Amino acid sequence: MTKYKLGEIIELNPRESIKKGNITRKIAMDDLGEFKRDIESYSYSEYKGGTKFRNYDTLMARITPCLENGKTSFVNILEENEVAFGSTEYFVFRAKQDIINPYYLYYLVTTDKFREVAIKSMSGTSGRQRVQKDQILDFSVDLPSLEDQEKIMKPLKLIDDKISLNTKLNTNLLQLSQIMFKNKFPNVNDGPDKIGAYIRNYDKDRKPLSKKQRSKMPGKYRYIGATSVNDYIAKYNFDGIYLLLGEDGTVQDINGYPVLQYIHGKFWPNNHAHVLQGNKVSTEWLYLFFLQRNIEGIITGAVQKKISQKNLNSLSVTMPNNEELSKFDNIIQPIFEQIRTLEEENERLLEIKKELLTNLF
């Protein structure tokens, strides 16, 4: 083992060049999974500014609550010599590869030991606190040889490879379900019915918790916002299969479709997402309906965008008859059961990974 300061074995925010106006691959904060190594999505956008990076760099959110929620990922989806860009709220870590393996660096900065130092260094106004560069560069590292680094990270890489495979399988299963939905119900968006008649809405049961309240009850249950998990707490108030649809703030994607989360298990939602289940239809049917339903016309608010219950319920739909719904459900329910199984396996693998990180670093 050799002792280093982190700043001696990495480049932080290395200098790269992208010509302004170029259409370039963009990895936004929303593209980073929570406690996931691999980046699952990206877009192409005109470059106007932002952090720049290459393959084998590690991206770490430096702003609250993104860092606390585990938004740290490894870049491995780019072409050779490709430079991509992303949020100005990233720190980009580049390994000095004669000293530290890039994968080992990724695992190092996802350890609780490093994350605690980064989180404690945060300063700024409430809700916009950022990690301080000097304190993380001063982080002390006991670094094994490159050969030993390979041995240490081997089981961690195997776990992340399996998580990535499961995630890709689920992406394919969901895409298959969407194709079948569109083929089976091509005219579903037009008609005399209103989708509100087929929704059970549980918004009245939501109980938002402040960051201070959540800090007093850390635990394993998801505290979920409009787009993602915001925290983990010791209590839950929902248990089952639900569809969360963004109510305010981030309510649509770049194509005008709603922000959706298919949730199963125990969780606690805040008040920024509608909490829904199907009524006379399955929650999975409702999910597939909203995945293909543009909702730009029901959004209100110029600054703070919002989808009210009333406007949501007003969306037109041609509702299939019970026999058609039953036949379709017989096809998609086994698919969604497999999706849930793989997601639950990923959760177990993440727990094993966290334990290994604690023991190996």
Protein backbone atom coordinates (compact mmCIF):
# COMPACT_ATOMS: atom_id res chain seq x y z
CA MET A 1 0.00 0.00 0.00
CA THR A 2 1.15 3.51 -0.82
CA LYS A 3 -0.49 6.57 0.70
CA TYR A 4 -1.59 9.36 -1.65
CA LYS A 5 -3.84 12.38 -1.66
CA LEU A 6 -6.63 11.93 -4.21
CA GLY A 7 -5.36 14.97 -6.10
CA GLU A 8 -2.08 13.13 -6.77
CA ILE A 9 -3.67 10.20 -8.58
CA ILE A 10 -6.44 11.87 -10.62
CA GLU A 11 -7.19 14.81 -12.85
CA LEU A 12 -10.28 16.67 -11.68
CA ASN A 13 -12.39 18.18 -14.47
CA PRO A 14 -9.72 17.57 -17.14
CA ARG A 15 -9.57 20.03 -20.00
CA GLU A 16 -11.35 18.88 -23.18
CA SER A 17 -12.61 20.72 -26.23
CA ILE A 18 -15.99 20.71 -27.99
CA LYS A 19 -16.79 23.38 -30.55
CA LYS A 20 -19.81 25.46 -29.52
CA GLY A 21 -22.83 24.67 -31.67
CA ASN A 22 -21.76 21.10 -32.43
CA ILE A 23 -24.40 18.42 -31.98
CA THR A 24 -22.82 16.26 -29.30
CA ARG A 25 -23.73 13.38 -27.06
CA LYS A 26 -25.12 14.71 -23.78
CA ILE A 27 -25.34 12.83 -20.50
CA ALA A 28 -27.63 14.84 -18.25
CA MET A 29 -28.06 14.44 -14.49
CA ASP A 30 -31.29 12.50 -15.11
CA ASP A 31 -29.29 9.99 -17.18
CA LEU A 32 -27.28 8.89 -14.15
CA GLY A 33 -28.85 6.06 -12.18
CA GLU A 34 -28.82 5.89 -8.41
CA PHE A 35 -25.90 3.80 -7.14
CA LYS A 36 -25.48 2.36 -10.65
CA ARG A 37 -22.14 2.15 -12.43
CA ASP A 38 -23.38 2.15 -16.01
CA ILE A 39 -25.11 5.04 -17.75
CA GLU A 40 -28.41 3.87 -19.22
CA SER A 41 -29.51 6.80 -21.37
CA TYR A 42 -28.27 9.88 -23.21
CA SER A 43 -29.34 12.35 -25.86
CA TYR A 44 -27.75 14.46 -28.58
CA SER A 45 -27.85 18.20 -28.16
CA GLU A 46 -26.22 21.40 -29.36
CA TYR A 47 -23.18 22.09 -27.19
CA LYS A 48 -23.44 25.43 -25.41
CA GLY A 49 -21.45 24.59 -22.30
CA GLY A 50 -21.03 22.04 -19.52
CA THR A 51 -18.52 19.56 -18.19
CA LYS A 52 -16.72 17.44 -20.79
CA PHE A 53 -15.51 13.87 -20.48
CA ARG A 54 -14.39 10.68 -22.21
CA ASN A 55 -14.67 6.95 -21.69
CA TYR A 56 -13.17 5.72 -18.39
CA ASP A 57 -13.95 8.97 -16.58
CA THR A 58 -16.13 8.92 -13.46
CA LEU A 59 -18.97 11.44 -13.14
CA MET A 60 -20.03 12.46 -9.64
CA ALA A 61 -22.88 14.84 -8.86
CA ARG A 62 -21.50 17.62 -6.67
CA ILE A 63 -24.83 19.14 -5.65
CA THR A 64 -27.44 18.16 -3.08
CA PRO A 65 -29.53 15.96 -3.17
CA CYS A 66 -28.10 14.26 -6.26
CA LEU A 67 -24.87 13.17 -4.56
CA GLU A 68 -26.67 11.83 -1.49
CA ASN A 69 -28.97 9.87 -3.83
CA GLY A 70 -26.02 8.04 -5.39
CA LYS A 71 -25.63 9.79 -8.74
CA THR A 72 -22.08 8.66 -9.49
CA SER A 73 -21.44 6.75 -12.72
CA PHE A 74 -18.64 5.40 -14.91
CA VAL A 75 -18.42 6.52 -18.54
CA ASN A 76 -18.11 3.50 -20.83
CA ILE A 77 -20.67 4.12 -23.59
CA LEU A 78 -18.77 6.53 -25.86
CA GLU A 79 -16.89 5.85 -29.07
CA GLU A 80 -13.09 5.83 -29.09
CA ASN A 81 -11.78 9.41 -28.75
CA GLU A 82 -15.34 10.75 -28.42
CA VAL A 83 -15.84 13.67 -26.03
CA ALA A 84 -19.31 14.09 -24.54
CA PHE A 85 -20.72 16.73 -22.21
CA GLY A 86 -23.15 17.01 -19.33
CA SER A 87 -24.25 18.95 -16.30
CA THR A 88 -22.14 21.76 -14.88
CA GLU A 89 -22.95 20.11 -11.53
CA TYR A 90 -20.61 17.18 -12.23
CA PHE A 91 -17.14 16.57 -10.93
CA VAL A 92 -15.22 14.59 -13.56
CA PHE A 93 -12.56 12.25 -12.15
CA ARG A 94 -9.91 10.97 -14.58
CA ALA A 95 -7.49 8.31 -13.35
CA LYS A 96 -3.74 8.64 -13.80
CA GLN A 97 -3.64 5.13 -15.20
CA ASP A 98 -0.02 4.40 -14.33
CA ILE A 99 -1.08 4.64 -10.66
CA ILE A 100 -4.80 3.82 -10.42
CA ASN A 101 -7.16 1.74 -12.55
CA PRO A 102 -10.15 3.83 -13.79
CA TYR A 103 -12.63 1.23 -12.51
CA TYR A 104 -10.89 1.13 -9.13
CA LEU A 105 -11.20 4.93 -8.98
CA TYR A 106 -14.93 4.67 -9.66
CA TYR A 107 -15.41 2.18 -6.83
CA LEU A 108 -13.24 4.28 -4.51
CA VAL A 109 -15.42 7.39 -4.92
CA THR A 110 -18.60 5.36 -4.32
CA THR A 111 -17.43 4.12 -0.91
CA ASP A 112 -19.19 5.46 2.17
CA LYS A 113 -15.81 6.68 3.43
CA PHE A 114 -15.34 9.01 0.44
CA ARG A 115 -19.00 9.97 0.13
CA GLU A 116 -19.14 11.05 3.76
CA VAL A 117 -16.16 13.38 3.26
CA ALA A 118 -17.72 14.81 0.09
CA ILE A 119 -21.14 15.33 1.69
CA LYS A 120 -19.69 16.92 4.83
CA SER A 121 -17.71 19.37 2.67
CA MET A 122 -20.87 20.78 1.07
CA SER A 123 -21.54 24.48 1.49
CA GLY A 124 -23.90 27.05 0.02
CA THR A 125 -27.52 28.05 0.38
CA SER A 126 -30.04 25.48 1.53
CA GLY A 127 -31.07 23.18 -1.32
CA ARG A 128 -28.15 24.27 -3.53
CA GLN A 129 -25.18 23.06 -1.51
CA ARG A 130 -22.13 21.85 -3.42
CA VAL A 131 -19.11 19.67 -2.68
CA GLN A 132 -15.90 21.64 -2.12
CA LYS A 133 -13.10 20.70 -4.50
CA ASP A 134 -10.15 21.27 -2.15
CA GLN A 135 -11.46 18.89 0.49
CA ILE A 136 -11.98 15.97 -1.85
CA LEU A 137 -8.60 16.47 -3.52
CA ASP A 138 -7.10 16.27 -0.03
CA PHE A 139 -8.82 12.92 0.62
CA SER A 140 -6.25 10.36 1.82
CA VAL A 141 -6.00 7.11 -0.16
CA ASP A 142 -4.13 3.91 0.74
CA LEU A 143 -3.56 2.60 -2.77
CA PRO A 144 -2.59 -1.01 -3.54
CA SER A 145 -0.62 -2.02 -6.62
CA LEU A 146 -2.36 -2.10 -10.00
CA GLU A 147 -2.32 -5.90 -9.84
CA ASP A 148 -4.04 -5.90 -6.45
CA GLN A 149 -6.52 -3.26 -7.63
CA GLU A 150 -7.63 -5.72 -10.33
CA LYS A 151 -8.22 -8.43 -7.73
CA ILE A 152 -10.16 -6.10 -5.41
CA MET A 153 -12.50 -4.76 -8.06
CA LYS A 154 -13.17 -8.11 -9.83
CA PRO A 155 -16.22 -9.12 -7.70
CA LEU A 156 -17.56 -5.56 -7.83
CA LYS A 157 -17.33 -5.52 -11.63
CA LEU A 158 -19.12 -8.87 -11.85
CA ILE A 159 -22.00 -7.52 -9.75
CA ASP A 160 -22.27 -4.35 -11.82
CA ASP A 161 -22.13 -6.35 -15.05
CA LYS A 162 -25.10 -8.43 -13.84
CA ILE A 163 -27.02 -5.30 -12.78
CA SER A 164 -26.38 -3.81 -16.22
CA LEU A 165 -27.56 -7.00 -17.97
CA ASN A 166 -30.76 -7.07 -15.88
CA THR A 167 -31.41 -3.41 -16.66
CA LYS A 168 -30.99 -4.00 -20.40
CA LEU A 169 -33.34 -7.00 -20.24
CA ASN A 170 -35.96 -4.87 -18.51
CA THR A 171 -35.56 -2.12 -21.09
CA ASN A 172 -36.20 -4.68 -23.84
CA LEU A 173 -39.20 -6.16 -22.01
CA LEU A 174 -40.77 -2.74 -21.55
CA GLN A 175 -40.17 -1.84 -25.20
CA LEU A 176 -41.83 -5.11 -26.24
CA SER A 177 -44.85 -4.28 -24.06
CA GLN A 178 -45.08 -0.81 -25.60
CA ILE A 179 -45.01 -2.20 -29.14
CA MET A 180 -47.76 -4.69 -28.31
CA PHE A 181 -49.87 -1.95 -26.70
CA LYS A 182 -49.62 0.31 -29.76
CA ASN A 183 -50.43 -2.57 -32.12
CA LYS A 184 -53.39 -3.74 -30.03
CA PHE A 185 -54.85 -0.29 -29.29
CA PRO A 186 -53.90 2.00 -32.21
CA ASN A 187 -56.71 4.51 -31.61
CA VAL A 188 -56.62 4.56 -27.83
CA ASN A 189 -55.91 8.31 -27.52
CA ASP A 190 -59.14 9.43 -29.20
CA GLY A 191 -62.66 8.75 -28.09
CA PRO A 192 -65.58 9.64 -25.83
CA ASP A 193 -64.18 8.23 -22.58
CA LYS A 194 -62.02 10.06 -20.04
CA ILE A 195 -59.01 8.37 -18.48
CA GLY A 196 -60.03 9.65 -15.04
CA ALA A 197 -62.73 6.99 -14.89
CA TYR A 198 -59.98 4.36 -15.04
CA ILE A 199 -57.64 5.83 -12.41
CA ARG A 200 -57.52 5.34 -8.66
CA ASN A 201 -55.80 8.43 -7.27
CA TYR A 202 -54.10 8.30 -3.86
CA ASP A 203 -52.80 11.87 -3.71
CA LYS A 204 -54.68 12.55 -0.46
CA ASP A 205 -52.52 9.92 1.26
CA ARG A 206 -49.24 11.64 0.39
CA LYS A 207 -47.31 13.18 3.29
CA PRO A 208 -44.24 15.19 2.25
CA LEU A 209 -41.27 15.17 4.63
CA SER A 210 -38.69 17.94 4.92
CA LYS A 211 -35.00 17.15 4.59
CA LYS A 212 -34.64 17.77 8.32
CA GLN A 213 -37.42 15.27 9.10
CA ARG A 214 -35.86 12.68 6.79
CA SER A 215 -32.42 13.14 8.34
CA LYS A 216 -33.86 11.99 11.67
CA MET A 217 -35.22 8.73 10.23
CA PRO A 218 -32.61 7.16 7.92
CA GLY A 219 -33.50 3.70 6.68
CA LYS A 220 -34.02 1.40 3.70
CA TYR A 221 -37.36 2.60 2.30
CA ARG A 222 -37.50 4.85 -0.75
CA TYR A 223 -38.68 8.44 -0.39
CA ILE A 224 -39.72 9.20 -3.97
CA GLY A 225 -40.19 12.51 -5.77
CA ALA A 226 -41.49 13.52 -9.18
CA THR A 227 -38.65 11.90 -11.12
CA SER A 228 -36.67 9.61 -8.84
CA VAL A 229 -35.80 8.45 -5.34
CA ASN A 230 -34.89 11.46 -3.21
CA ASP A 231 -33.84 9.71 -0.02
CA TYR A 232 -34.03 6.52 2.03
CA ILE A 233 -35.97 6.57 5.31
CA ALA A 234 -37.06 4.23 8.10
CA LYS A 235 -40.80 4.32 7.35
CA TYR A 236 -43.15 3.71 4.43
CA ASN A 237 -46.80 4.55 3.80
CA PHE A 238 -47.42 2.68 0.54
CA ASP A 239 -46.87 -1.00 -0.25
CA GLY A 240 -47.77 -2.55 -3.59
CA ILE A 241 -47.72 -1.74 -7.29
CA TYR A 242 -48.28 1.91 -8.18
CA LEU A 243 -47.70 4.34 -11.01
CA LEU A 244 -46.18 7.71 -10.12
CA LEU A 245 -46.77 10.54 -12.60
CA GLY A 246 -44.94 13.86 -12.13
CA GLU A 247 -47.34 16.53 -10.86
CA ASP A 248 -45.19 19.65 -10.69
CA GLY A 249 -41.66 20.76 -11.49
CA THR A 250 -40.40 18.16 -13.97
CA VAL A 251 -43.62 16.84 -15.50
CA GLN A 252 -42.68 15.97 -19.09
CA ASP A 253 -39.76 14.67 -21.11
CA ILE A 254 -38.29 16.42 -24.15
CA ASN A 255 -40.97 14.85 -26.38
CA GLY A 256 -43.93 15.93 -24.27
CA TYR A 257 -44.65 12.61 -22.56
CA PRO A 258 -45.28 12.41 -18.80
CA VAL A 259 -42.55 11.57 -16.30
CA LEU A 260 -43.49 8.13 -15.01
CA GLN A 261 -42.21 5.71 -12.39
CA TYR A 262 -43.51 2.14 -12.15
CA ILE A 263 -43.08 1.38 -8.45
CA HIS A 264 -43.50 -1.85 -6.51
CA GLY A 265 -42.78 -2.67 -2.89
CA LYS A 266 -42.66 -0.37 0.12
CA PHE A 267 -42.09 3.37 -0.37
CA TRP A 268 -43.06 6.90 0.73
CA PRO A 269 -43.95 9.40 -2.04
CA ASN A 270 -43.68 13.15 -1.64
CA ASN A 271 -46.31 15.55 -3.01
CA HIS A 272 -44.65 16.20 -6.38
CA ALA A 273 -45.97 13.05 -8.08
CA HIS A 274 -49.51 11.77 -8.53
CA VAL A 275 -49.86 8.32 -6.95
CA LEU A 276 -52.03 6.15 -9.21
CA GLN A 277 -53.36 2.66 -9.78
CA GLY A 278 -55.62 1.30 -12.48
CA ASN A 279 -59.40 1.28 -11.93
CA LYS A 280 -61.17 -1.35 -14.06
CA VAL A 281 -57.82 -1.68 -15.86
CA SER A 282 -54.49 -2.98 -14.56
CA THR A 283 -51.87 -0.53 -13.35
CA GLU A 284 -49.62 -1.96 -16.08
CA TRP A 285 -52.19 -1.07 -18.77
CA LEU A 286 -52.40 2.44 -17.32
CA TYR A 287 -48.58 2.70 -17.38
CA LEU A 288 -48.41 1.67 -21.05
CA PHE A 289 -51.20 4.12 -21.89
CA PHE A 290 -49.34 7.07 -20.39
CA LEU A 291 -46.03 6.01 -21.94
CA GLN A 292 -47.51 6.73 -25.37
CA ARG A 293 -49.78 9.67 -24.43
CA ASN A 294 -48.52 13.20 -25.07
CA ILE A 295 -49.62 15.47 -22.20
CA GLU A 296 -48.33 18.89 -23.28
CA GLY A 297 -51.89 20.16 -23.71
CA ILE A 298 -52.81 19.65 -20.04
CA ILE A 299 -49.74 21.30 -18.47
CA THR A 300 -50.27 24.66 -16.77
CA GLY A 301 -47.81 27.19 -15.36
CA ALA A 302 -45.16 29.19 -17.17
CA VAL A 303 -42.43 28.90 -14.53
CA GLN A 304 -43.59 26.05 -12.27
CA LYS A 305 -45.17 23.53 -14.61
CA LYS A 306 -48.04 21.47 -13.20
CA ILE A 307 -50.43 18.68 -14.14
CA SER A 308 -53.53 18.95 -11.97
CA GLN A 309 -55.76 15.98 -11.13
CA LYS A 310 -58.58 17.61 -13.06
CA ASN A 311 -56.53 18.06 -16.21
CA LEU A 312 -55.05 14.58 -15.92
CA ASN A 313 -58.48 13.00 -15.59
CA SER A 314 -59.75 14.93 -18.63
CA LEU A 315 -57.54 13.13 -21.17
CA SER A 316 -59.63 11.40 -23.83
CA VAL A 317 -59.37 7.66 -24.38
CA THR A 318 -61.08 4.93 -26.36
CA MET A 319 -61.41 2.24 -23.74
CA PRO A 320 -61.25 -1.37 -24.97
CA ASN A 321 -63.93 -3.79 -23.85
CA ASN A 322 -63.37 -6.15 -20.93
CA GLU A 323 -62.52 -9.13 -23.14
CA GLU A 324 -59.83 -7.17 -25.00
CA LEU A 325 -58.39 -5.89 -21.73
CA SER A 326 -58.33 -9.38 -20.23
CA LYS A 327 -56.59 -10.93 -23.25
CA PHE A 328 -53.97 -8.18 -23.29
CA ASP A 329 -53.42 -8.49 -19.54
CA ASN A 330 -52.81 -12.22 -19.90
CA ILE A 331 -49.92 -11.35 -22.21
CA ILE A 332 -48.32 -8.46 -20.35
CA GLN A 333 -48.66 -9.56 -16.72
CA PRO A 334 -45.95 -12.26 -16.99
CA ILE A 335 -43.70 -9.68 -18.67
CA PHE A 336 -44.14 -7.18 -15.85
CA GLU A 337 -43.70 -9.93 -13.27
CA GLN A 338 -40.29 -10.60 -14.84
CA ILE A 339 -39.50 -6.87 -14.82
CA ARG A 340 -40.26 -6.71 -11.09
CA THR A 341 -38.21 -9.85 -10.41
CA LEU A 342 -35.15 -8.42 -12.16
CA GLU A 343 -35.50 -5.08 -10.39
CA GLU A 344 -35.70 -6.86 -7.03
CA GLU A 345 -32.60 -8.89 -7.94
CA ASN A 346 -30.79 -5.65 -8.73
CA GLU A 347 -31.74 -4.26 -5.32
CA ARG A 348 -30.26 -7.34 -3.63
CA LEU A 349 -27.11 -7.08 -5.75
CA LEU A 350 -26.71 -3.43 -4.77
CA GLU A 351 -26.85 -4.41 -1.10
CA ILE A 352 -24.13 -7.02 -1.68
CA LYS A 353 -22.08 -4.44 -3.57
CA LYS A 354 -22.35 -1.92 -0.71
CA GLU A 355 -21.20 -4.58 1.75
CA LEU A 356 -18.24 -5.48 -0.46
CA LEU A 357 -17.26 -1.82 -0.85
CA THR A 358 -17.17 -1.48 2.93
CA ASN A 359 -15.06 -4.63 3.34
CA LEU A 360 -12.67 -4.14 0.41
CA PHE A 361 -11.82 -0.44 0.73
